[in-house]
C-alpha atoms as a PDB file:
ATOM      1  CA  UNK A   1     -17.925 122.488  69.895  1.00  0.00           C
ATOM      2  CA  UNK A   2     -21.053 121.765  71.925  1.00  0.00           C
ATOM      3  CA  UNK A   3     -20.451 120.490  75.443  1.00  0.00           C
ATOM      4  CA  UNK A   4     -22.984 118.739  77.643  1.00  0.00           C
ATOM      5  CA  UNK A   5     -21.959 118.358  81.262  1.00  0.00           C
ATOM      6  CA  UNK A   6     -24.068 116.016  83.368  1.00  0.00           C
ATOM      7  CA  UNK A   7     -24.159 115.833  87.133  1.00  0.00           C
ATOM      8  CA  UNK A   8     -26.236 114.367  89.920  1.00  0.00           C
ATOM      9  CA  UNK A   9     -25.761 110.655  89.410  1.00  0.00           C
ATOM     10  CA  UNK A  10     -24.705 108.349  92.186  1.00  0.00           C
ATOM     11  CA  UNK A  11     -25.673 105.498  94.465  1.00  0.00           C
ATOM     12  CA  UNK A  12     -29.051 105.568  96.137  1.00  0.00           C
ATOM     13  CA  UNK A  13     -31.220 103.067  97.954  1.00  0.00           C
ATOM     14  CA  UNK A  14     -34.460 101.847  96.453  1.00  0.00           C
ATOM     15  CA  UNK A  15     -37.220 104.328  97.154  1.00  0.00           C
ATOM     16  CA  UNK A  16     -34.811 107.241  97.154  1.00  0.00           C
ATOM     17  CA  UNK A  17     -34.518 110.212  94.837  1.00  0.00           C
ATOM     18  CA  UNK A  18     -31.947 111.786  92.570  1.00  0.00           C
ATOM     19  CA  UNK A  19     -31.869 114.925  90.483  1.00  0.00           C
ATOM     20  CA  UNK A  20     -29.818 114.874  87.317  1.00  0.00           C
ATOM     21  CA  UNK A  21     -28.662 118.068  85.672  1.00  0.00           C
ATOM     22  CA  UNK A  22     -27.210 118.694  82.244  1.00  0.00           C
ATOM     23  CA  UNK A  23     -25.766 122.038  81.235  1.00  0.00           C
ATOM     24  CA  UNK A  24     -25.132 122.697  77.565  1.00  0.00           C
ATOM     25  CA  UNK A  25     -22.456 125.158  76.565  1.00  0.00           C
ATOM     26  CA  UNK A  26     -20.988 126.551  73.361  1.00  0.00           C
ATOM     27  CA  UNK A  27     -24.480 126.600  71.904  1.00  0.00           C
ATOM     28  CA  UNK A  28     -24.802 128.570  68.672  1.00  0.00           C
ATOM     29  CA  UNK A  29     -28.245 127.377  67.655  1.00  0.00           C
ATOM     30  CA  UNK A  30     -31.786 127.092  68.997  1.00  0.00           C
ATOM     31  CA  UNK A  31     -32.166 123.922  71.009  1.00  0.00           C
ATOM     32  CA  UNK A  32     -35.268 121.902  70.195  1.00  0.00           C
ATOM     33  CA  UNK A  33     -35.425 118.791  72.357  1.00  0.00           C
ATOM     34  CA  UNK A  34     -33.599 118.381  75.635  1.00  0.00           C
ATOM     35  CA  UNK A  35     -33.825 115.026  77.299  1.00  0.00           C
ATOM     36  CA  UNK A  36     -32.425 111.986  78.982  1.00  0.00           C
ATOM     37  CA  UNK A  37     -31.732 108.469  77.770  1.00  0.00           C
ATOM     38  CA  UNK A  38     -30.295 105.548  79.658  1.00  0.00           C
ATOM     39  CA  UNK A  39     -28.485 102.312  78.990  1.00  0.00           C
ATOM     40  CA  UNK A  40     -28.706  99.535  81.508  1.00  0.00           C
ATOM     41  CA  UNK A  41     -26.157  96.700  81.518  1.00  0.00           C
ATOM     42  CA  UNK A  42     -26.835  94.337  78.657  1.00  0.00           C
ATOM     43  CA  UNK A  43     -29.644  96.462  77.248  1.00  0.00           C
ATOM     44  CA  UNK A  44     -30.058  98.993  74.482  1.00  0.00           C
ATOM     45  CA  UNK A  45     -30.199 102.687  75.113  1.00  0.00           C
ATOM     46  CA  UNK A  46     -33.744 103.882  75.764  1.00  0.00           C
ATOM     47  CA  UNK A  47     -35.546 107.148  76.122  1.00  0.00           C
ATOM     48  CA  UNK A  48     -36.287 108.228  79.680  1.00  0.00           C
ATOM     49  CA  UNK A  49     -37.820 111.644  79.167  1.00  0.00           C
ATOM     50  CA  UNK A  50     -37.613 114.553  76.802  1.00  0.00           C
ATOM     51  CA  UNK A  51     -38.973 118.067  76.565  1.00  0.00           C
ATOM     52  CA  UNK A  52     -39.370 120.382  73.606  1.00  0.00           C
ATOM     53  CA  UNK A  53     -38.609 124.064  73.358  1.00  0.00           C
ATOM     54  CA  UNK A  54     -42.350 124.625  73.642  1.00  0.00           C
ATOM     55  CA  UNK A  55     -42.569 122.768  76.916  1.00  0.00           C
ATOM     56  CA  UNK A  56     -44.120 119.503  75.768  1.00  0.00           C
ATOM     57  CA  UNK A  57     -42.847 116.456  77.629  1.00  0.00           C
ATOM     58  CA  UNK A  58     -42.603 112.757  76.891  1.00  0.00           C
ATOM     59  CA  UNK A  59     -41.831 110.019  79.391  1.00  0.00           C
ATOM     60  CA  UNK A  60     -41.057 106.354  79.143  1.00  0.00           C
ATOM     61  CA  UNK A  61     -43.828 104.287  80.679  1.00  0.00           C
ATOM     62  CA  UNK A  62     -41.312 102.836  83.118  1.00  0.00           C
ATOM     63  CA  UNK A  63     -40.657 106.225  84.756  1.00  0.00           C
ATOM     64  CA  UNK A  64     -43.991 107.956  84.237  1.00  0.00           C
ATOM     65  CA  UNK A  65     -45.377 109.225  87.529  1.00  0.00           C
ATOM     66  CA  UNK A  66     -41.991 108.901  89.238  1.00  0.00           C
ATOM     67  CA  UNK A  67     -39.927 111.364  87.228  1.00  0.00           C
ATOM     68  CA  UNK A  68     -40.197 114.981  86.162  1.00  0.00           C
ATOM     69  CA  UNK A  69     -38.196 116.608  83.415  1.00  0.00           C
ATOM     70  CA  UNK A  70     -37.727 120.359  83.295  1.00  0.00           C
ATOM     71  CA  UNK A  71     -35.523 122.835  81.488  1.00  0.00           C
ATOM     72  CA  UNK A  72     -34.152 126.310  81.996  1.00  0.00           C
ATOM     73  CA  UNK A  73     -33.829 127.790  78.540  1.00  0.00           C
ATOM     74  CA  UNK A  74     -31.892 130.802  79.783  1.00  0.00           C
ATOM     75  CA  UNK A  75     -29.243 128.465  81.179  1.00  0.00           C
ATOM     76  CA  UNK A  76     -29.480 125.805  78.450  1.00  0.00           C
ATOM     77  CA  UNK A  77     -29.934 123.294  81.241  1.00  0.00           C
ATOM     78  CA  UNK A  78     -32.217 120.303  81.583  1.00  0.00           C
ATOM     79  CA  UNK A  79     -33.078 118.506  84.798  1.00  0.00           C
ATOM     80  CA  UNK A  80     -34.501 115.107  85.617  1.00  0.00           C
ATOM     81  CA  UNK A  81     -35.991 114.615  89.046  1.00  0.00           C
ATOM     82  CA  UNK A  82     -36.354 110.909  89.755  1.00  0.00           C
ATOM     83  CA  UNK A  83     -38.315 109.671  92.764  1.00  0.00           C
ATOM     84  CA  UNK A  84     -39.206 106.258  94.117  1.00  0.00           C
ATOM     85  CA  UNK A  85     -36.165 104.823  92.418  1.00  0.00           C
ATOM     86  CA  UNK A  86     -36.041 101.104  91.734  1.00  0.00           C
ATOM     87  CA  UNK A  87     -33.093  98.774  91.154  1.00  0.00           C
ATOM     88  CA  UNK A  88     -34.201  98.501  87.524  1.00  0.00           C
ATOM     89  CA  UNK A  89     -33.489 102.212  87.130  1.00  0.00           C
ATOM     90  CA  UNK A  90     -29.798 101.398  87.440  1.00  0.00           C
ATOM     91  CA  UNK A  91     -28.117 102.580  84.245  1.00  0.00           C
ATOM     92  CA  UNK A  92     -25.840 105.131  82.696  1.00  0.00           C
ATOM     93  CA  UNK A  93     -27.951 108.208  82.004  1.00  0.00           C
ATOM     94  CA  UNK A  94     -27.124 110.313  78.970  1.00  0.00           C
ATOM     95  CA  UNK A  95     -28.155 113.871  78.323  1.00  0.00           C
ATOM     96  CA  UNK A  96     -29.305 114.593  74.787  1.00  0.00           C
ATOM     97  CA  UNK A  97     -30.162 117.764  72.932  1.00  0.00           C
ATOM     98  CA  UNK A  98     -30.944 118.424  69.312  1.00  0.00           C
ATOM     99  CA  UNK A  99     -31.313 121.366  67.011  1.00  0.00           C
ATOM    100  CA  UNK A 100     -34.291 122.232  64.845  1.00  0.00           C
ATOM    101  CA  UNK A 101     -33.052 119.815  62.190  1.00  0.00           C
ATOM    102  CA  UNK A 102     -32.891 116.936  64.636  1.00  0.00           C
ATOM    103  CA  UNK A 103     -29.119 116.765  64.787  1.00  0.00           C
ATOM    104  CA  UNK A 104     -28.282 115.199  68.161  1.00  0.00           C
ATOM    105  CA  UNK A 105     -25.625 115.947  70.723  1.00  0.00           C
ATOM    106  CA  UNK A 106     -24.797 113.644  73.645  1.00  0.00           C
ATOM    107  CA  UNK A 107     -23.279 113.979  77.051  1.00  0.00           C
ATOM    108  CA  UNK A 108     -20.680 111.596  78.391  1.00  0.00           C
ATOM    109  CA  UNK A 109     -23.127 109.884  80.725  1.00  0.00           C
ATOM    110  CA  UNK A 110     -23.595 109.703  84.471  1.00  0.00           C
ATOM    111  CA  UNK A 111     -24.004 106.483  86.436  1.00  0.00           C
ATOM    112  CA  UNK A 112     -27.114 105.934  88.516  1.00  0.00           C
ATOM    113  CA  UNK A 113     -27.081 102.887  90.768  1.00  0.00           C
ATOM    114  CA  UNK A 114     -30.081 101.923  92.858  1.00  0.00           C
ATOM    115  CA  UNK A 115     -29.464  99.340  95.541  1.00  0.00           C
ATOM    116  CA  UNK A 116     -32.197  97.051  96.813  1.00  0.00           C
END
């Protein structure tokens, strides 16, 4: 059974930085997308950033220029470096991967809280 273990969340002041990590284990297939979503209180889950096996990246407009997604394919790990954090970045951040057929797997989520 696939496991996604997230780390790096926490409490940070506005303007600060955090680096989220997500390590996937028990992988028996080729991972296509690796990425991050978030759900803020009272809002729907939204894409933050994702990267393909080929290295293409996609970012939400709200984090573009402030965040960088990267992956280590040898370690089946994806990272999200977030800078210049804002209170509106406060959310539970979920790691997501999928296989070549688009079947998704989700992490348990890590809380990011940005204080003003």
